[in-house]
């Protein structure tokens, strides 16, 4: 008797999902990572560094999410794996 339909994820993703998600996420991680680490090293104020760290994470997550949206990804596991790979790359890119 429930007349309200709810969203049910299909788990599908296009062939463009992985290249788009990794491409945007890794470009952001490698490109922004060095700038982020230089800023954190040279700015002595902890609260500014806190906001830089939060902004860096949001930027990487947003780029991976945008790549997953371009690739029409509806699979949570694939999107999470893309985000994890880009997060590890972002962490590695800050160790210059």
Protein backbone atom coordinates (compact mmCIF):
# COMPACT_ATOMS: atom_id res chain seq x y z
CA UNK A 1 0.00 0.00 0.00
CA UNK A 2 3.05 2.25 -0.01
CA UNK A 3 2.57 4.60 -2.96
CA UNK A 4 5.87 6.45 -2.51
CA UNK A 5 8.71 5.14 -4.61
CA UNK A 6 12.20 5.46 -3.19
CA UNK A 7 15.56 5.55 -4.93
CA UNK A 8 17.17 2.17 -5.45
CA UNK A 9 20.76 2.31 -6.77
CA UNK A 10 21.36 0.11 -9.77
CA UNK A 11 25.09 -0.35 -9.14
CA UNK A 12 25.92 0.45 -12.75
CA UNK A 13 28.77 2.58 -14.00
CA UNK A 14 30.03 3.59 -17.43
CA UNK A 15 33.43 2.86 -18.90
CA UNK A 16 34.24 6.56 -18.42
CA UNK A 17 33.81 6.39 -14.63
CA UNK A 18 37.26 5.13 -13.70
CA UNK A 19 39.29 7.33 -16.09
CA UNK A 20 37.26 10.45 -15.25
CA UNK A 21 37.32 9.87 -11.48
CA UNK A 22 40.99 8.96 -11.35
CA UNK A 23 41.97 11.61 -13.87
CA UNK A 24 40.37 14.51 -12.07
CA UNK A 25 41.22 13.21 -8.60
CA UNK A 26 44.87 12.49 -9.34
CA UNK A 27 45.41 15.75 -11.20
CA UNK A 28 43.98 17.56 -8.20
CA UNK A 29 45.93 15.48 -5.72
CA UNK A 30 49.26 15.93 -7.47
CA UNK A 31 48.68 19.51 -8.56
CA UNK A 32 47.24 20.90 -5.37
CA UNK A 33 49.21 18.65 -2.98
CA UNK A 34 52.53 20.43 -3.34
CA UNK A 35 50.94 23.85 -3.00
CA UNK A 36 49.02 22.70 0.04
CA UNK A 37 52.14 21.32 1.74
CA UNK A 38 54.18 24.46 1.02
CA UNK A 39 51.41 26.60 2.49
CA UNK A 40 51.18 24.42 5.61
CA UNK A 41 54.95 24.50 6.06
CA UNK A 42 55.25 28.27 5.76
CA UNK A 43 52.12 29.40 7.63
CA UNK A 44 52.74 29.23 11.38
CA UNK A 45 49.09 29.62 12.47
CA UNK A 46 47.43 26.32 13.37
CA UNK A 47 43.88 27.47 12.66
CA UNK A 48 44.74 28.61 9.14
CA UNK A 49 46.44 25.23 8.59
CA UNK A 50 43.31 23.50 9.84
CA UNK A 51 41.16 25.29 7.26
CA UNK A 52 43.73 24.60 4.54
CA UNK A 53 43.59 20.89 5.38
CA UNK A 54 39.81 20.82 5.34
CA UNK A 55 39.77 22.74 2.05
CA UNK A 56 42.31 20.34 0.51
CA UNK A 57 40.16 17.34 1.44
CA UNK A 58 37.02 18.98 0.12
CA UNK A 59 38.77 19.86 -3.15
CA UNK A 60 39.99 16.29 -3.72
CA UNK A 61 36.62 14.81 -2.76
CA UNK A 62 34.81 17.26 -4.99
CA UNK A 63 37.02 16.45 -7.97
CA UNK A 64 36.52 12.70 -7.52
CA UNK A 65 32.78 13.22 -7.07
CA UNK A 66 32.63 15.34 -10.21
CA UNK A 67 34.52 12.63 -12.11
CA UNK A 68 32.10 10.00 -10.84
CA UNK A 69 29.19 12.17 -11.93
CA UNK A 70 30.71 12.62 -15.40
CA UNK A 71 31.16 8.85 -15.61
CA UNK A 72 27.57 8.25 -14.44
CA UNK A 73 28.67 6.06 -11.54
CA UNK A 74 25.92 4.58 -9.38
CA UNK A 75 28.14 2.03 -7.67
CA UNK A 76 29.16 3.03 -4.15
CA UNK A 77 32.07 0.58 -4.03
CA UNK A 78 33.64 1.92 -7.24
CA UNK A 79 33.25 5.55 -6.13
CA UNK A 80 34.71 4.75 -2.69
CA UNK A 81 37.68 2.95 -4.25
CA UNK A 82 38.34 5.93 -6.54
CA UNK A 83 38.19 8.28 -3.55
CA UNK A 84 40.56 6.08 -1.52
CA UNK A 85 43.13 5.89 -4.33
CA UNK A 86 43.04 9.65 -4.80
CA UNK A 87 43.24 10.26 -1.04
CA UNK A 88 46.37 8.10 -0.78
CA UNK A 89 47.86 9.89 -3.79
CA UNK A 90 47.05 13.24 -2.20
CA UNK A 91 48.77 12.17 1.00
CA UNK A 92 51.79 10.94 -0.94
CA UNK A 93 51.98 14.13 -2.99
CA UNK A 94 52.38 16.21 0.18
CA UNK A 95 55.66 14.44 1.01
CA UNK A 96 58.01 16.37 -1.21
